[in-house]
């Protein structure tokens, strides 16, 4: 599986678990909600710094977003 897909699925999973919209996550990271959507759909490449911003907002370690299906462990 593609690493972009793994990260996107995890971001969507953790975000959904918190009950947050893409807009809310974007507001907590200073990123555009359209970018969040593209990352979740694996349509955009994500930098390590943006991955770290998202992880911090979701209150998980950055590397957790790169482990397949890690959001299912919550």
PDB file of N, CA and C in Angstrom:
ATOM      1  N   UNK A   1       0.844  -1.182   0.000  1.00  0.00           N
ATOM      2  CA  UNK A   1       0.000   0.000   0.000  1.00  0.00           C
ATOM      3  C   UNK A   1       0.891   1.247   0.000  1.00  0.00           C
ATOM      4  N   UNK A   2       0.438   2.243  -0.674  1.00  0.00           N
ATOM      5  CA  UNK A   2       1.136   3.517  -0.807  1.00  0.00           C
ATOM      6  C   UNK A   2       1.162   4.272   0.521  1.00  0.00           C
ATOM      7  N   UNK A   3       2.292   4.851   0.853  1.00  0.00           N
ATOM      8  CA  UNK A   3       2.452   5.576   2.124  1.00  0.00           C
ATOM      9  C   UNK A   3       1.506   6.784   2.200  1.00  0.00           C
ATOM     10  N   UNK A   4       1.229   7.409   1.048  1.00  0.00           N
ATOM     11  CA  UNK A   4       0.283   8.531   1.053  1.00  0.00           C
ATOM     12  C   UNK A   4      -1.113   8.045   1.436  1.00  0.00           C
ATOM     13  N   UNK A   5      -1.492   6.863   0.970  1.00  0.00           N
ATOM     14  CA  UNK A   5      -2.806   6.290   1.302  1.00  0.00           C
ATOM     15  C   UNK A   5      -2.866   5.934   2.791  1.00  0.00           C
ATOM     16  N   UNK A   6      -1.799   5.364   3.318  1.00  0.00           N
ATOM     17  CA  UNK A   6      -1.758   5.008   4.745  1.00  0.00           C
ATOM     18  C   UNK A   6      -1.921   6.263   5.600  1.00  0.00           C
ATOM     19  N   UNK A   7      -1.144   7.299   5.295  1.00  0.00           N
ATOM     20  CA  UNK A   7      -1.226   8.547   6.059  1.00  0.00           C
ATOM     21  C   UNK A   7      -2.617   9.164   5.935  1.00  0.00           C
ATOM     22  N   UNK A   8      -3.143   9.197   4.737  1.00  0.00           N
ATOM     23  CA  UNK A   8      -4.468   9.779   4.519  1.00  0.00           C
ATOM     24  C   UNK A   8      -5.562   9.048   5.266  1.00  0.00           C
ATOM     25  N   UNK A   9      -5.521   7.720   5.207  1.00  0.00           N
ATOM     26  CA  UNK A   9      -6.520   6.923   5.928  1.00  0.00           C
ATOM     27  C   UNK A   9      -6.426   7.160   7.437  1.00  0.00           C
ATOM     28  N   UNK A  10      -5.210   7.221   7.945  1.00  0.00           N
ATOM     29  CA  UNK A  10      -5.026   7.448   9.379  1.00  0.00           C
ATOM     30  C   UNK A  10      -5.489   8.839   9.790  1.00  0.00           C
ATOM     31  N   UNK A  11      -5.152   9.839   9.008  1.00  0.00           N
ATOM     32  CA  UNK A  11      -5.593  11.200   9.325  1.00  0.00           C
ATOM     33  C   UNK A  11      -7.115  11.255   9.356  1.00  0.00           C
ATOM     34  N   UNK A  12      -7.757  10.686   8.341  1.00  0.00           N
ATOM     35  CA  UNK A  12      -9.221  10.667   8.298  1.00  0.00           C
ATOM     36  C   UNK A  12      -9.784   9.900   9.505  1.00  0.00           C
ATOM     37  N   UNK A  13      -9.187   8.772   9.820  1.00  0.00           N
ATOM     38  CA  UNK A  13      -9.669   7.958  10.935  1.00  0.00           C
ATOM     39  C   UNK A  13      -9.562   8.665  12.271  1.00  0.00           C
ATOM     40  N   UNK A  14      -8.393   9.248  12.563  1.00  0.00           N
ATOM     41  CA  UNK A  14      -8.218   9.969  13.829  1.00  0.00           C
ATOM     42  C   UNK A  14      -9.116  11.206  13.874  1.00  0.00           C
ATOM     43  N   UNK A  15      -9.219  11.917  12.754  1.00  0.00           N
ATOM     44  CA  UNK A  15     -10.066  13.113  12.694  1.00  0.00           C
ATOM     45  C   UNK A  15     -11.526  12.744  12.939  1.00  0.00           C
ATOM     46  N   UNK A  16     -11.984  11.690  12.301  1.00  0.00           N
ATOM     47  CA  UNK A  16     -13.374  11.252  12.464  1.00  0.00           C
ATOM     48  C   UNK A  16     -13.646  10.802  13.898  1.00  0.00           C
ATOM     49  N   UNK A  17     -12.687  10.113  14.487  1.00  0.00           N
ATOM     50  CA  UNK A  17     -12.833   9.663  15.876  1.00  0.00           C
ATOM     51  C   UNK A  17     -13.049  10.851  16.815  1.00  0.00           C
ATOM     52  N   UNK A  18     -12.398  11.957  16.519  1.00  0.00           N
ATOM     53  CA  UNK A  18     -12.558  13.166  17.335  1.00  0.00           C
ATOM     54  C   UNK A  18     -13.841  13.928  17.003  1.00  0.00           C
ATOM     55  N   UNK A  19     -14.500  13.521  15.922  1.00  0.00           N
ATOM     56  CA  UNK A  19     -15.716  14.205  15.508  1.00  0.00           C
ATOM     57  C   UNK A  19     -15.457  15.530  14.815  1.00  0.00           C
ATOM     58  N   UNK A  20     -14.260  15.678  14.272  1.00  0.00           N
ATOM     59  CA  UNK A  20     -13.864  16.932  13.629  1.00  0.00           C
ATOM     60  C   UNK A  20     -14.121  16.889  12.135  1.00  0.00           C
ATOM     61  N   UNK A  21     -14.469  18.032  11.596  1.00  0.00           N
ATOM     62  CA  UNK A  21     -14.552  18.203  10.144  1.00  0.00           C
ATOM     63  C   UNK A  21     -13.148  18.491   9.605  1.00  0.00           C
ATOM     64  N   UNK A  22     -13.019  18.419   8.310  1.00  0.00           N
ATOM     65  CA  UNK A  22     -11.742  18.805   7.690  1.00  0.00           C
ATOM     66  C   UNK A  22     -11.456  20.270   7.976  1.00  0.00           C
ATOM     67  N   UNK A  23     -12.497  21.087   8.014  1.00  0.00           N
ATOM     68  CA  UNK A  23     -12.335  22.510   8.303  1.00  0.00           C
ATOM     69  C   UNK A  23     -11.778  22.727   9.715  1.00  0.00           C
ATOM     70  N   UNK A  24     -12.264  21.958  10.683  1.00  0.00           N
ATOM     71  CA  UNK A  24     -11.783  22.123  12.054  1.00  0.00           C
ATOM     72  C   UNK A  24     -10.314  21.715  12.156  1.00  0.00           C
ATOM     73  N   UNK A  25      -9.949  20.587  11.544  1.00  0.00           N
ATOM     74  CA  UNK A  25      -8.554  20.170  11.557  1.00  0.00           C
ATOM     75  C   UNK A  25      -7.681  21.207  10.860  1.00  0.00           C
ATOM     76  N   UNK A  26      -8.148  21.725   9.755  1.00  0.00           N
ATOM     77  CA  UNK A  26      -7.390  22.746   9.030  1.00  0.00           C
ATOM     78  C   UNK A  26      -7.160  23.973   9.912  1.00  0.00           C
ATOM     79  N   UNK A  27      -8.172  24.373  10.644  1.00  0.00           N
ATOM     80  CA  UNK A  27      -8.038  25.530  11.525  1.00  0.00           C
ATOM     81  C   UNK A  27      -7.026  25.311  12.637  1.00  0.00           C
ATOM     82  N   UNK A  28      -6.900  24.093  13.097  1.00  0.00           N
ATOM     83  CA  UNK A  28      -5.954  23.777  14.164  1.00  0.00           C
ATOM     84  C   UNK A  28      -4.524  23.611  13.651  1.00  0.00           C
ATOM     85  N   UNK A  29      -4.349  23.548  12.339  1.00  0.00           N
ATOM     86  CA  UNK A  29      -3.025  23.318  11.755  1.00  0.00           C
ATOM     87  C   UNK A  29      -2.546  24.454  10.857  1.00  0.00           C
ATOM     88  N   UNK A  30      -3.381  25.454  10.638  1.00  0.00           N
ATOM     89  CA  UNK A  30      -3.073  26.543   9.699  1.00  0.00           C
ATOM     90  C   UNK A  30      -2.853  26.026   8.280  1.00  0.00           C
ATOM     91  N   UNK A  31      -3.553  24.956   7.937  1.00  0.00           N
ATOM     92  CA  UNK A  31      -3.530  24.423   6.573  1.00  0.00           C
ATOM     93  C   UNK A  31      -4.922  24.621   5.979  1.00  0.00           C
ATOM     94  N   UNK A  32      -5.030  24.583   4.663  1.00  0.00           N
ATOM     95  CA  UNK A  32      -6.323  24.729   4.009  1.00  0.00           C
ATOM     96  C   UNK A  32      -7.110  23.427   4.100  1.00  0.00           C
ATOM     97  N   UNK A  33      -8.426  23.530   4.296  1.00  0.00           N
ATOM     98  CA  UNK A  33      -9.246  22.321   4.385  1.00  0.00           C
ATOM     99  C   UNK A  33      -9.227  21.542   3.077  1.00  0.00           C
ATOM    100  N   UNK A  34      -9.065  22.238   1.965  1.00  0.00           N
ATOM    101  CA  UNK A  34      -8.991  21.530   0.679  1.00  0.00           C
ATOM    102  C   UNK A  34      -7.729  20.673   0.605  1.00  0.00           C
ATOM    103  N   UNK A  35      -6.655  21.159   1.201  1.00  0.00           N
ATOM    104  CA  UNK A  35      -5.408  20.394   1.269  1.00  0.00           C
ATOM    105  C   UNK A  35      -5.599  19.166   2.155  1.00  0.00           C
ATOM    106  N   UNK A  36      -6.263  19.337   3.299  1.00  0.00           N
ATOM    107  CA  UNK A  36      -6.541  18.211   4.198  1.00  0.00           C
ATOM    108  C   UNK A  36      -7.312  17.136   3.428  1.00  0.00           C
ATOM    109  N   UNK A  37      -8.300  17.541   2.679  1.00  0.00           N
ATOM    110  CA  UNK A  37      -9.084  16.594   1.886  1.00  0.00           C
ATOM    111  C   UNK A  37      -8.238  15.857   0.865  1.00  0.00           C
ATOM    112  N   UNK A  38      -7.363  16.588   0.186  1.00  0.00           N
ATOM    113  CA  UNK A  38      -6.490  15.956  -0.804  1.00  0.00           C
ATOM    114  C   UNK A  38      -5.521  14.981  -0.151  1.00  0.00           C
ATOM    115  N   UNK A  39      -5.012  15.332   1.018  1.00  0.00           N
ATOM    116  CA  UNK A  39      -4.106  14.431   1.744  1.00  0.00           C
ATOM    117  C   UNK A  39      -4.866  13.172   2.152  1.00  0.00           C
ATOM    118  N   UNK A  40      -6.069  13.335   2.666  1.00  0.00           N
ATOM    119  CA  UNK A  40      -6.854  12.176   3.090  1.00  0.00           C
ATOM    120  C   UNK A  40      -7.185  11.249   1.916  1.00  0.00           C
ATOM    121  N   UNK A  41      -7.338  11.804   0.735  1.00  0.00           N
ATOM    122  CA  UNK A  41      -7.629  10.994  -0.456  1.00  0.00           C
ATOM    123  C   UNK A  41      -6.358  10.549  -1.178  1.00  0.00           C
ATOM    124  N   UNK A  42      -5.201  10.849  -0.608  1.00  0.00           N
ATOM    125  CA  UNK A  42      -3.887  10.506  -1.184  1.00  0.00           C
ATOM    126  C   UNK A  42      -3.687  11.152  -2.550  1.00  0.00           C
ATOM    127  N   UNK A  43      -4.242  12.334  -2.725  1.00  0.00           N
ATOM    128  CA  UNK A  43      -4.096  13.080  -3.973  1.00  0.00           C
ATOM    129  C   UNK A  43      -3.013  14.144  -3.881  1.00  0.00           C
ATOM    130  N   UNK A  44      -2.479  14.360  -2.688  1.00  0.00           N
ATOM    131  CA  UNK A  44      -1.442  15.371  -2.489  1.00  0.00           C
ATOM    132  C   UNK A  44      -0.282  14.748  -1.718  1.00  0.00           C
ATOM    133  N   UNK A  45       0.890  15.218  -2.027  1.00  0.00           N
ATOM    134  CA  UNK A  45       2.069  14.817  -1.274  1.00  0.00           C
ATOM    135  C   UNK A  45       2.122  15.677  -0.018  1.00  0.00           C
ATOM    136  N   UNK A  46       2.432  15.067   1.106  1.00  0.00           N
ATOM    137  CA  UNK A  46       2.478  15.799   2.368  1.00  0.00           C
ATOM    138  C   UNK A  46       3.919  15.872   2.857  1.00  0.00           C
ATOM    139  N   UNK A  47       4.320  17.045   3.283  1.00  0.00           N
ATOM    140  CA  UNK A  47       5.672  17.211   3.824  1.00  0.00           C
ATOM    141  C   UNK A  47       5.708  16.684   5.255  1.00  0.00           C
ATOM    142  N   UNK A  48       6.903  16.411   5.724  1.00  0.00           N
ATOM    143  CA  UNK A  48       7.074  15.961   7.107  1.00  0.00           C
ATOM    144  C   UNK A  48       6.580  17.039   8.070  1.00  0.00           C
ATOM    145  N   UNK A  49       6.844  18.302   7.769  1.00  0.00           N
ATOM    146  CA  UNK A  49       6.411  19.371   8.676  1.00  0.00           C
ATOM    147  C   UNK A  49       4.887  19.460   8.740  1.00  0.00           C
ATOM    148  N   UNK A  50       4.203  19.292   7.620  1.00  0.00           N
ATOM    149  CA  UNK A  50       2.742  19.311   7.643  1.00  0.00           C
ATOM    150  C   UNK A  50       2.187  18.064   8.329  1.00  0.00           C
ATOM    151  N   UNK A  51       2.837  16.929   8.117  1.00  0.00           N
ATOM    152  CA  UNK A  51       2.426  15.706   8.803  1.00  0.00           C
ATOM    153  C   UNK A  51       2.551  15.889  10.314  1.00  0.00           C
ATOM    154  N   UNK A  52       3.624  16.542  10.751  1.00  0.00           N
ATOM    155  CA  UNK A  52       3.837  16.804  12.173  1.00  0.00           C
ATOM    156  C   UNK A  52       2.782  17.760  12.720  1.00  0.00           C
ATOM    157  N   UNK A  53       2.407  18.776  11.958  1.00  0.00           N
ATOM    158  CA  UNK A  53       1.359  19.708  12.389  1.00  0.00           C
ATOM    159  C   UNK A  53       0.043  18.973  12.599  1.00  0.00           C
ATOM    160  N   UNK A  54      -0.279  18.104  11.649  1.00  0.00           N
ATOM    161  CA  UNK A  54      -1.533  17.354  11.733  1.00  0.00           C
ATOM    162  C   UNK A  54      -1.493  16.397  12.910  1.00  0.00           C
ATOM    163  N   UNK A  55      -0.380  15.704  13.081  1.00  0.00           N
ATOM    164  CA  UNK A  55      -0.243  14.765  14.199  1.00  0.00           C
ATOM    165  C   UNK A  55      -0.410  15.493  15.531  1.00  0.00           C
ATOM    166  N   UNK A  56       0.213  16.644  15.664  1.00  0.00           N
ATOM    167  CA  UNK A  56       0.111  17.414  16.906  1.00  0.00           C
ATOM    168  C   UNK A  56      -1.339  17.793  17.186  1.00  0.00           C
ATOM    169  N   UNK A  57      -2.048  18.247  16.153  1.00  0.00           N
ATOM    170  CA  UNK A  57      -3.453  18.623  16.328  1.00  0.00           C
ATOM    171  C   UNK A  57      -4.297  17.415  16.726  1.00  0.00           C
ATOM    172  N   UNK A  58      -3.975  16.251  16.159  1.00  0.00           N
ATOM    173  CA  UNK A  58      -4.726  15.029  16.455  1.00  0.00           C
ATOM    174  C   UNK A  58      -4.266  14.363  17.753  1.00  0.00           C
ATOM    175  N   UNK A  59      -3.211  14.922  18.358  1.00  0.00           N
ATOM    176  CA  UNK A  59      -2.644  14.414  19.618  1.00  0.00           C
ATOM    177  C   UNK A  59      -2.122  12.981  19.496  1.00  0.00           C
ATOM    178  N   UNK A  60      -1.390  12.749  18.385  1.00  0.00           N
ATOM    179  CA  UNK A  60      -0.698  11.472  18.192  1.00  0.00           C
ATOM    180  C   UNK A  60       0.732  11.774  17.766  1.00  0.00           C
ATOM    181  N   UNK A  61       1.613  10.814  17.965  1.00  0.00           N
ATOM    182  CA  UNK A  61       2.992  10.956  17.493  1.00  0.00           C
ATOM    183  C   UNK A  61       2.988  10.925  15.965  1.00  0.00           C
ATOM    184  N   UNK A  62       3.869  11.668  15.358  1.00  0.00           N
ATOM    185  CA  UNK A  62       3.916  11.769  13.898  1.00  0.00           C
ATOM    186  C   UNK A  62       4.047  10.407  13.234  1.00  0.00           C
ATOM    187  N   UNK A  63       4.919   9.564  13.755  1.00  0.00           N
ATOM    188  CA  UNK A  63       5.143   8.272  13.108  1.00  0.00           C
ATOM    189  C   UNK A  63       3.909   7.373  13.122  1.00  0.00           C
ATOM    190  N   UNK A  64       3.003   7.613  14.052  1.00  0.00           N
ATOM    191  CA  UNK A  64       1.779   6.807  14.132  1.00  0.00           C
ATOM    192  C   UNK A  64       0.939   6.958  12.866  1.00  0.00           C
ATOM    193  N   UNK A  65       0.999   8.131  12.246  1.00  0.00           N
ATOM    194  CA  UNK A  65       0.233   8.361  11.022  1.00  0.00           C
ATOM    195  C   UNK A  65       0.778   7.577   9.836  1.00  0.00           C
ATOM    196  N   UNK A  66       1.962   6.992   9.994  1.00  0.00           N
ATOM    197  CA  UNK A  66       2.576   6.225   8.901  1.00  0.00           C
ATOM    198  C   UNK A  66       2.468   4.710   9.106  1.00  0.00           C
ATOM    199  N   UNK A  67       1.768   4.282  10.148  1.00  0.00           N
ATOM    200  CA  UNK A  67       1.569   2.865  10.431  1.00  0.00           C
ATOM    201  C   UNK A  67       0.190   2.458   9.932  1.00  0.00           C
ATOM    202  N   UNK A  68       0.141   1.478   9.064  1.00  0.00           N
ATOM    203  CA  UNK A  68      -1.124   1.060   8.451  1.00  0.00           C
ATOM    204  C   UNK A  68      -2.193   0.788   9.512  1.00  0.00           C
ATOM    205  N   UNK A  69      -3.340   1.439   9.324  1.00  0.00           N
ATOM    206  CA  UNK A  69      -4.539   1.267  10.149  1.00  0.00           C
ATOM    207  C   UNK A  69      -4.334   1.585  11.633  1.00  0.00           C
ATOM    208  N   UNK A  70      -3.401   2.464  11.962  1.00  0.00           N
ATOM    209  CA  UNK A  70      -3.160   2.779  13.368  1.00  0.00           C
ATOM    210  C   UNK A  70      -4.375   3.444  14.022  1.00  0.00           C
ATOM    211  N   UNK A  71      -5.187   4.115  13.253  1.00  0.00           N
ATOM    212  CA  UNK A  71      -6.376   4.760  13.822  1.00  0.00           C
ATOM    213  C   UNK A  71      -7.373   3.732  14.370  1.00  0.00           C
ATOM    214  N   UNK A  72      -7.287   2.512  13.912  1.00  0.00           N
ATOM    215  CA  UNK A  72      -8.210   1.461  14.378  1.00  0.00           C
ATOM    216  C   UNK A  72      -7.881   1.001  15.788  1.00  0.00           C
ATOM    217  N   UNK A  73      -6.725   1.394  16.313  1.00  0.00           N
ATOM    218  CA  UNK A  73      -6.301   0.971  17.646  1.00  0.00           C
ATOM    219  C   UNK A  73      -6.854   1.852  18.752  1.00  0.00           C
ATOM    220  N   UNK A  74      -7.601   2.901  18.385  1.00  0.00           N
ATOM    221  CA  UNK A  74      -8.130   3.822  19.412  1.00  0.00           C
ATOM    222  C   UNK A  74      -9.503   3.408  19.876  1.00  0.00           C
TER     223      UNK A  74
END
